[in-house]
C-alpha atoms as a PDB file:
ATOM      1  CA  MET A   1      19.771 -32.488  32.907  1.00  0.00           C
ATOM      2  CA  ALA A   2      22.001 -30.586  30.551  1.00  0.00           C
ATOM      3  CA  LEU A   3      20.407 -28.882  27.560  1.00  0.00           C
ATOM      4  CA  LEU A   4      23.608 -28.862  25.445  1.00  0.00           C
ATOM      5  CA  SER A   5      25.424 -31.941  24.576  1.00  0.00           C
ATOM      6  CA  GLU A   6      29.162 -32.203  25.201  1.00  0.00           C
ATOM      7  CA  GLU A   7      29.688 -32.138  21.472  1.00  0.00           C
ATOM      8  CA  ILE A   8      27.845 -28.795  21.111  1.00  0.00           C
ATOM      9  CA  LEU A   9      29.701 -27.374  24.074  1.00  0.00           C
ATOM     10  CA  ARG A  10      32.984 -28.227  22.462  1.00  0.00           C
ATOM     11  CA  GLU A  11      31.916 -26.652  19.296  1.00  0.00           C
ATOM     12  CA  LEU A  12      30.865 -23.441  21.175  1.00  0.00           C
ATOM     13  CA  GLN A  13      34.214 -23.343  22.994  1.00  0.00           C
ATOM     14  CA  SER A  14      35.939 -23.509  19.569  1.00  0.00           C
ATOM     15  CA  MET A  15      33.650 -20.836  18.102  1.00  0.00           C
ATOM     16  CA  PHE A  16      34.186 -18.478  21.074  1.00  0.00           C
ATOM     17  CA  GLU A  17      37.917 -18.699  20.908  1.00  0.00           C
ATOM     18  CA  GLY A  18      37.788 -15.680  18.651  1.00  0.00           C
ATOM     19  CA  LEU A  19      35.945 -13.433  21.015  1.00  0.00           C
ATOM     20  CA  THR A  20      37.917 -10.279  21.478  1.00  0.00           C
ATOM     21  CA  GLY A  21      35.952  -8.462  24.187  1.00  0.00           C
ATOM     22  CA  PRO A  22      33.896  -9.427  27.199  1.00  0.00           C
ATOM     23  CA  VAL A  23      30.261 -10.300  26.761  1.00  0.00           C
ATOM     24  CA  LYS A  24      27.653 -10.480  29.585  1.00  0.00           C
ATOM     25  CA  LEU A  25      24.276 -12.266  29.299  1.00  0.00           C
ATOM     26  CA  LEU A  26      21.811 -10.428  31.445  1.00  0.00           C
ATOM     27  CA  VAL A  27      18.968 -12.871  32.001  1.00  0.00           C
ATOM     28  CA  PHE A  28      15.618 -11.777  33.411  1.00  0.00           C
ATOM     29  CA  THR A  29      13.585 -14.586  35.052  1.00  0.00           C
ATOM     30  CA  HIS A  30      10.961 -15.404  37.527  1.00  0.00           C
ATOM     31  CA  ASP A  31      10.999 -19.229  37.707  1.00  0.00           C
ATOM     32  CA  ALA A  32       7.975 -19.574  40.062  1.00  0.00           C
ATOM     33  CA  GLU A  33       5.590 -17.885  37.560  1.00  0.00           C
ATOM     34  CA  CYS A  34       7.195 -18.218  34.276  1.00  0.00           C
ATOM     35  CA  GLU A  35       7.011 -21.656  32.631  1.00  0.00           C
ATOM     36  CA  MET A  36       9.907 -21.094  30.225  1.00  0.00           C
ATOM     37  CA  CYS A  37      12.221 -19.118  32.417  1.00  0.00           C
ATOM     38  CA  GLU A  38      13.901 -21.935  34.141  1.00  0.00           C
ATOM     39  CA  THR A  39      14.849 -23.495  30.809  1.00  0.00           C
ATOM     40  CA  ASN A  40      16.087 -20.192  29.443  1.00  0.00           C
ATOM     41  CA  ARG A  41      18.224 -19.506  32.386  1.00  0.00           C
ATOM     42  CA  ALA A  42      19.755 -23.047  32.294  1.00  0.00           C
ATOM     43  CA  LEU A  43      20.537 -22.599  28.583  1.00  0.00           C
ATOM     44  CA  MET A  44      22.268 -19.263  29.276  1.00  0.00           C
ATOM     45  CA  GLU A  45      24.256 -20.701  32.167  1.00  0.00           C
ATOM     46  CA  GLU A  46      25.472 -23.569  30.068  1.00  0.00           C
ATOM     47  CA  LEU A  47      26.386 -21.172  27.160  1.00  0.00           C
ATOM     48  CA  ALA A  48      28.176 -18.831  29.465  1.00  0.00           C
ATOM     49  CA  SER A  49      30.348 -21.700  30.707  1.00  0.00           C
ATOM     50  CA  THR A  50      32.015 -22.157  27.373  1.00  0.00           C
ATOM     51  CA  SER A  51      34.238 -19.112  27.360  1.00  0.00           C
ATOM     52  CA  ASP A  52      36.131 -17.010  29.900  1.00  0.00           C
ATOM     53  CA  ARG A  53      34.942 -13.963  27.971  1.00  0.00           C
ATOM     54  CA  LEU A  54      31.339 -14.766  28.608  1.00  0.00           C
ATOM     55  CA  SER A  55      29.594 -13.932  31.981  1.00  0.00           C
ATOM     56  CA  ILE A  56      26.056 -14.120  33.150  1.00  0.00           C
ATOM     57  CA  THR A  57      23.895 -12.105  35.595  1.00  0.00           C
ATOM     58  CA  ILE A  58      20.551 -13.422  36.612  1.00  0.00           C
ATOM     59  CA  CYS A  59      17.911 -10.810  37.514  1.00  0.00           C
ATOM     60  CA  ASP A  60      14.547 -11.601  39.129  1.00  0.00           C
ATOM     61  CA  PHE A  61      11.825  -9.847  37.192  1.00  0.00           C
ATOM     62  CA  ASP A  62       9.980  -8.954  40.325  1.00  0.00           C
ATOM     63  CA  SER A  63      12.614  -8.188  42.894  1.00  0.00           C
ATOM     64  CA  ASP A  64      14.946  -6.581  40.394  1.00  0.00           C
ATOM     65  CA  LYS A  65      12.186  -4.285  38.903  1.00  0.00           C
ATOM     66  CA  GLU A  66      14.591  -1.296  38.912  1.00  0.00           C
ATOM     67  CA  THR A  67      16.955  -3.102  36.693  1.00  0.00           C
ATOM     68  CA  ALA A  68      14.246  -4.311  34.472  1.00  0.00           C
ATOM     69  CA  ASP A  69      12.844  -0.885  34.122  1.00  0.00           C
ATOM     70  CA  ALA A  70      16.217   0.570  33.336  1.00  0.00           C
ATOM     71  CA  TYR A  71      16.645  -1.906  30.412  1.00  0.00           C
ATOM     72  CA  LYS A  72      12.893  -1.503  29.505  1.00  0.00           C
ATOM     73  CA  ILE A  73      12.279  -5.213  29.981  1.00  0.00           C
ATOM     74  CA  ASP A  74       8.513  -5.749  29.991  1.00  0.00           C
ATOM     75  CA  LYS A  75       8.204  -9.575  29.577  1.00  0.00           C
ATOM     76  CA  ILE A  76      10.058 -12.707  30.444  1.00  0.00           C
ATOM     77  CA  PRO A  77      12.077 -14.884  29.849  1.00  0.00           C
ATOM     78  CA  ALA A  78      14.359 -12.120  28.492  1.00  0.00           C
ATOM     79  CA  THR A  79      18.023 -12.081  27.655  1.00  0.00           C
ATOM     80  CA  ILE A  80      20.144  -9.069  26.834  1.00  0.00           C
ATOM     81  CA  VAL A  81      23.535  -9.404  25.149  1.00  0.00           C
ATOM     82  CA  THR A  82      25.806  -6.721  26.403  1.00  0.00           C
ATOM     83  CA  GLY A  83      29.497  -5.878  25.743  1.00  0.00           C
ATOM     84  CA  GLU A  84      31.323  -2.621  26.501  1.00  0.00           C
ATOM     85  CA  LYS A  85      27.835  -1.015  26.389  1.00  0.00           C
ATOM     86  CA  ASP A  86      24.233  -2.065  25.909  1.00  0.00           C
ATOM     87  CA  TYR A  87      23.900  -2.370  22.169  1.00  0.00           C
ATOM     88  CA  GLY A  88      20.136  -2.849  22.296  1.00  0.00           C
ATOM     89  CA  ILE A  89      20.039  -6.584  21.474  1.00  0.00           C
ATOM     90  CA  ARG A  90      17.191  -8.412  23.198  1.00  0.00           C
ATOM     91  CA  PHE A  91      15.930 -12.026  23.099  1.00  0.00           C
ATOM     92  CA  TYR A  92      12.403 -12.582  24.447  1.00  0.00           C
ATOM     93  CA  GLY A  93      11.629 -16.194  24.852  1.00  0.00           C
ATOM     94  CA  ILE A  94      14.088 -19.143  24.524  1.00  0.00           C
ATOM     95  CA  PRO A  95      16.271 -18.664  21.433  1.00  0.00           C
ATOM     96  CA  SER A  96      16.115 -22.323  20.383  1.00  0.00           C
ATOM     97  CA  GLY A  97      16.246 -24.042  16.884  1.00  0.00           C
ATOM     98  CA  HIS A  98      17.454 -21.671  14.283  1.00  0.00           C
ATOM     99  CA  GLU A  99      17.440 -18.747  16.693  1.00  0.00           C
ATOM    100  CA  PHE A 100      20.170 -20.377  18.795  1.00  0.00           C
ATOM    101  CA  LEU A 101      22.477 -19.528  16.037  1.00  0.00           C
ATOM    102  CA  SER A 102      21.129 -15.897  16.106  1.00  0.00           C
ATOM    103  CA  LEU A 103      22.211 -15.775  19.777  1.00  0.00           C
ATOM    104  CA  ILE A 104      25.651 -17.160  18.885  1.00  0.00           C
ATOM    105  CA  GLU A 105      26.056 -14.444  16.154  1.00  0.00           C
ATOM    106  CA  ALA A 106      24.926 -11.721  18.612  1.00  0.00           C
ATOM    107  CA  ILE A 107      27.470 -12.857  21.102  1.00  0.00           C
ATOM    108  CA  LYS A 108      30.292 -12.671  18.545  1.00  0.00           C
ATOM    109  CA  MET A 109      29.095  -9.336  17.129  1.00  0.00           C
ATOM    110  CA  VAL A 110      28.922  -7.659  20.583  1.00  0.00           C
ATOM    111  CA  SER A 111      32.340  -9.030  21.421  1.00  0.00           C
ATOM    112  CA  THR A 112      33.925  -7.240  18.483  1.00  0.00           C
ATOM    113  CA  GLY A 113      31.513  -4.262  18.413  1.00  0.00           C
ATOM    114  CA  ASP A 114      31.437  -4.653  14.630  1.00  0.00           C
ATOM    115  CA  SER A 115      27.900  -4.716  13.058  1.00  0.00           C
ATOM    116  CA  MET A 116      29.167  -6.240   9.818  1.00  0.00           C
ATOM    117  CA  LEU A 117      26.679  -4.155   7.860  1.00  0.00           C
ATOM    118  CA  LEU A 118      27.396  -2.785   4.409  1.00  0.00           C
ATOM    119  CA  GLU A 119      29.063   0.614   4.329  1.00  0.00           C
ATOM    120  CA  PRO A 120      26.099   2.396   2.717  1.00  0.00           C
ATOM    121  CA  THR A 121      23.905   1.092   5.467  1.00  0.00           C
ATOM    122  CA  ARG A 122      26.279   2.352   8.136  1.00  0.00           C
ATOM    123  CA  GLU A 123      26.329   5.780   6.604  1.00  0.00           C
ATOM    124  CA  GLN A 124      22.582   6.168   6.289  1.00  0.00           C
ATOM    125  CA  LEU A 125      22.066   5.026   9.898  1.00  0.00           C
ATOM    126  CA  LYS A 126      24.156   7.926  10.997  1.00  0.00           C
ATOM    127  CA  SER A 127      21.372  10.259   9.964  1.00  0.00           C
ATOM    128  CA  LEU A 128      18.687   8.451  11.922  1.00  0.00           C
ATOM    129  CA  GLY A 129      16.779  11.154  13.880  1.00  0.00           C
ATOM    130  CA  GLN A 130      14.476   9.201  16.324  1.00  0.00           C
ATOM    131  CA  PRO A 131      14.633   6.104  18.516  1.00  0.00           C
ATOM    132  CA  VAL A 132      13.601   2.909  16.591  1.00  0.00           C
ATOM    133  CA  HIS A 133      12.255  -0.222  18.243  1.00  0.00           C
ATOM    134  CA  ILE A 134      12.402  -3.398  16.004  1.00  0.00           C
ATOM    135  CA  GLN A 135      10.427  -6.474  17.006  1.00  0.00           C
ATOM    136  CA  VAL A 136      11.027  -9.629  14.883  1.00  0.00           C
ATOM    137  CA  PHE A 137       8.501 -12.264  15.798  1.00  0.00           C
ATOM    138  CA  VAL A 138       9.935 -15.841  15.137  1.00  0.00           C
ATOM    139  CA  THR A 139       9.383 -19.514  15.760  1.00  0.00           C
ATOM    140  CA  PRO A 140      12.204 -21.999  16.410  1.00  0.00           C
ATOM    141  CA  ASN A 141      11.626 -24.067  13.179  1.00  0.00           C
ATOM    142  CA  CYS A 142      11.422 -20.986  10.819  1.00  0.00           C
ATOM    143  CA  PRO A 143      14.427 -21.167   8.432  1.00  0.00           C
ATOM    144  CA  TYR A 144      13.915 -17.560   7.310  1.00  0.00           C
ATOM    145  CA  CYS A 145      13.701 -15.933  10.671  1.00  0.00           C
ATOM    146  CA  ARG A 146      17.331 -16.073  11.642  1.00  0.00           C
ATOM    147  CA  SER A 147      18.564 -13.723   8.896  1.00  0.00           C
ATOM    148  CA  VAL A 148      15.895 -11.121   9.761  1.00  0.00           C
ATOM    149  CA  VAL A 149      16.799 -11.269  13.441  1.00  0.00           C
ATOM    150  CA  GLN A 150      20.550 -10.922  12.686  1.00  0.00           C
ATOM    151  CA  THR A 151      19.898  -7.949  10.434  1.00  0.00           C
ATOM    152  CA  ALA A 152      17.925  -6.251  13.123  1.00  0.00           C
ATOM    153  CA  HIS A 153      20.582  -6.949  15.700  1.00  0.00           C
ATOM    154  CA  ARG A 154      23.312  -5.629  13.464  1.00  0.00           C
ATOM    155  CA  MET A 155      21.469  -2.428  13.067  1.00  0.00           C
ATOM    156  CA  ALA A 156      21.164  -2.118  16.833  1.00  0.00           C
ATOM    157  CA  VAL A 157      24.912  -2.685  17.231  1.00  0.00           C
ATOM    158  CA  GLU A 158      25.613   0.028  14.544  1.00  0.00           C
ATOM    159  CA  CYS A 159      23.183   2.712  15.801  1.00  0.00           C
ATOM    160  CA  ASP A 160      22.610   3.684  19.451  1.00  0.00           C
ATOM    161  CA  LEU A 161      19.054   4.800  18.641  1.00  0.00           C
ATOM    162  CA  ILE A 162      17.993   1.252  17.637  1.00  0.00           C
ATOM    163  CA  THR A 163      16.805  -1.490  19.904  1.00  0.00           C
ATOM    164  CA  ALA A 164      16.047  -4.887  18.265  1.00  0.00           C
ATOM    165  CA  ASP A 165      14.074  -7.770  19.777  1.00  0.00           C
ATOM    166  CA  MET A 166      13.726 -11.376  18.840  1.00  0.00           C
ATOM    167  CA  VAL A 167      10.374 -12.384  20.162  1.00  0.00           C
ATOM    168  CA  GLU A 168       9.435 -16.026  20.199  1.00  0.00           C
ATOM    169  CA  ALA A 169       5.805 -15.852  19.041  1.00  0.00           C
ATOM    170  CA  ASN A 170       4.681 -19.096  20.634  1.00  0.00           C
ATOM    171  CA  GLU A 171       5.659 -17.979  24.057  1.00  0.00           C
ATOM    172  CA  PHE A 172       3.819 -14.666  23.947  1.00  0.00           C
ATOM    173  CA  PRO A 173       0.301 -15.404  22.688  1.00  0.00           C
ATOM    174  CA  ALA A 174      -1.029 -12.029  23.779  1.00  0.00           C
ATOM    175  CA  LEU A 175       1.485 -10.357  21.536  1.00  0.00           C
ATOM    176  CA  THR A 176       0.831 -12.741  18.741  1.00  0.00           C
ATOM    177  CA  ARG A 177      -2.788 -11.787  18.844  1.00  0.00           C
ATOM    178  CA  GLN A 178      -2.057  -7.984  19.216  1.00  0.00           C
ATOM    179  CA  TYR A 179       0.166  -7.941  16.168  1.00  0.00           C
ATOM    180  CA  ASP A 180      -1.804 -10.518  14.183  1.00  0.00           C
ATOM    181  CA  ILE A 181       1.119 -12.917  13.774  1.00  0.00           C
ATOM    182  CA  CYS A 182      -0.149 -15.490  11.189  1.00  0.00           C
ATOM    183  CA  TYR A 183       3.222 -15.953   9.499  1.00  0.00           C
ATOM    184  CA  VAL A 184       6.814 -15.532  10.540  1.00  0.00           C
ATOM    185  CA  PRO A 185       9.188 -13.811  10.418  1.00  0.00           C
ATOM    186  CA  LYS A 186       6.975 -10.791  10.951  1.00  0.00           C
ATOM    187  CA  THR A 187       8.759  -7.520  11.817  1.00  0.00           C
ATOM    188  CA  VAL A 188       7.162  -4.580  13.462  1.00  0.00           C
ATOM    189  CA  ILE A 189       9.001  -1.235  13.694  1.00  0.00           C
ATOM    190  CA  ASN A 190       7.955   1.617  16.031  1.00  0.00           C
ATOM    191  CA  GLU A 191       4.375   0.307  15.882  1.00  0.00           C
ATOM    192  CA  THR A 192       4.048   2.074  12.550  1.00  0.00           C
ATOM    193  CA  ARG A 193       5.625  -0.148   9.914  1.00  0.00           C
ATOM    194  CA  GLU A 194       5.671  -3.881   9.439  1.00  0.00           C
ATOM    195  CA  PHE A 195       6.629  -6.536   6.909  1.00  0.00           C
ATOM    196  CA  ILE A 196       6.474 -10.353   6.677  1.00  0.00           C
ATOM    197  CA  GLY A 197       9.332 -12.557   5.390  1.00  0.00           C
ATOM    198  CA  GLU A 198      12.977 -12.241   4.629  1.00  0.00           C
ATOM    199  CA  ILE A 199      14.126  -8.983   2.931  1.00  0.00           C
ATOM    200  CA  SER A 200      17.337  -7.492   1.795  1.00  0.00           C
ATOM    201  CA  GLU A 201      19.419  -5.295   4.043  1.00  0.00           C
ATOM    202  CA  SER A 202      18.653  -2.256   1.923  1.00  0.00           C
ATOM    203  CA  GLU A 203      14.975  -2.844   2.154  1.00  0.00           C
ATOM    204  CA  PHE A 204      15.159  -3.415   5.778  1.00  0.00           C
ATOM    205  CA  LEU A 205      17.108  -0.067   6.130  1.00  0.00           C
ATOM    206  CA  GLU A 206      14.399   1.708   4.138  1.00  0.00           C
ATOM    207  CA  HIS A 207      11.761   0.600   6.780  1.00  0.00           C
ATOM    208  CA  VAL A 208      14.011   1.721   9.643  1.00  0.00           C
ATOM    209  CA  MET A 209      14.789   5.086   8.202  1.00  0.00           C
ATOM    210  CA  GLN A 210      11.164   5.812   7.481  1.00  0.00           C
ATOM    211  CA  ALA A 211      10.183   4.808  10.962  1.00  0.00           C
ATOM    212  CA  GLY A 212      12.936   6.912  12.511  1.00  0.00           C
ATOM    213  CA  HIS A 213      12.206  10.261  10.779  1.00  0.00           C
END
């Protein structure tokens, strides 16, 4: 059974007409032992069918362990949105609800290679000294999560030292307990800084810069 309606598929085809560069969805799955993996893979396959500039590669989390390790994938379902290079954009769990739009925006951004960040933000990120790992914990029905995820992904596109994850909190209960996720969006940066809720780009940048120095 299709996950996306014909109407949505047509809308996506129209939205992706503006893609300028190729985009690959690298999907890590293990359907036999991962309850949500089959659904995530089906969603990505339907999405990839909407544009000639979109392709998909399916990797089994167990048998393709070398690939998973190379991309530092430690949980599934996982989807990487890559373009001319790996920009560090990760989706853990099914990007449904509001987060489906985050996935669409990530595809468009990777296709162009333009982070769409403000110029002062771009300039400051050039001085980032250490790798930064951003985890944004979300739920599908959260109206504020999308903007935080998109800001994190934009920073990953802009700076090679940044990796940014969307993590669907409901699908990873162990992480939800580990990071004490009571409210979303909750953002954890390098295990040393965290904040809850939607904040401005400049405030987000301050957290990133402090975590990366």
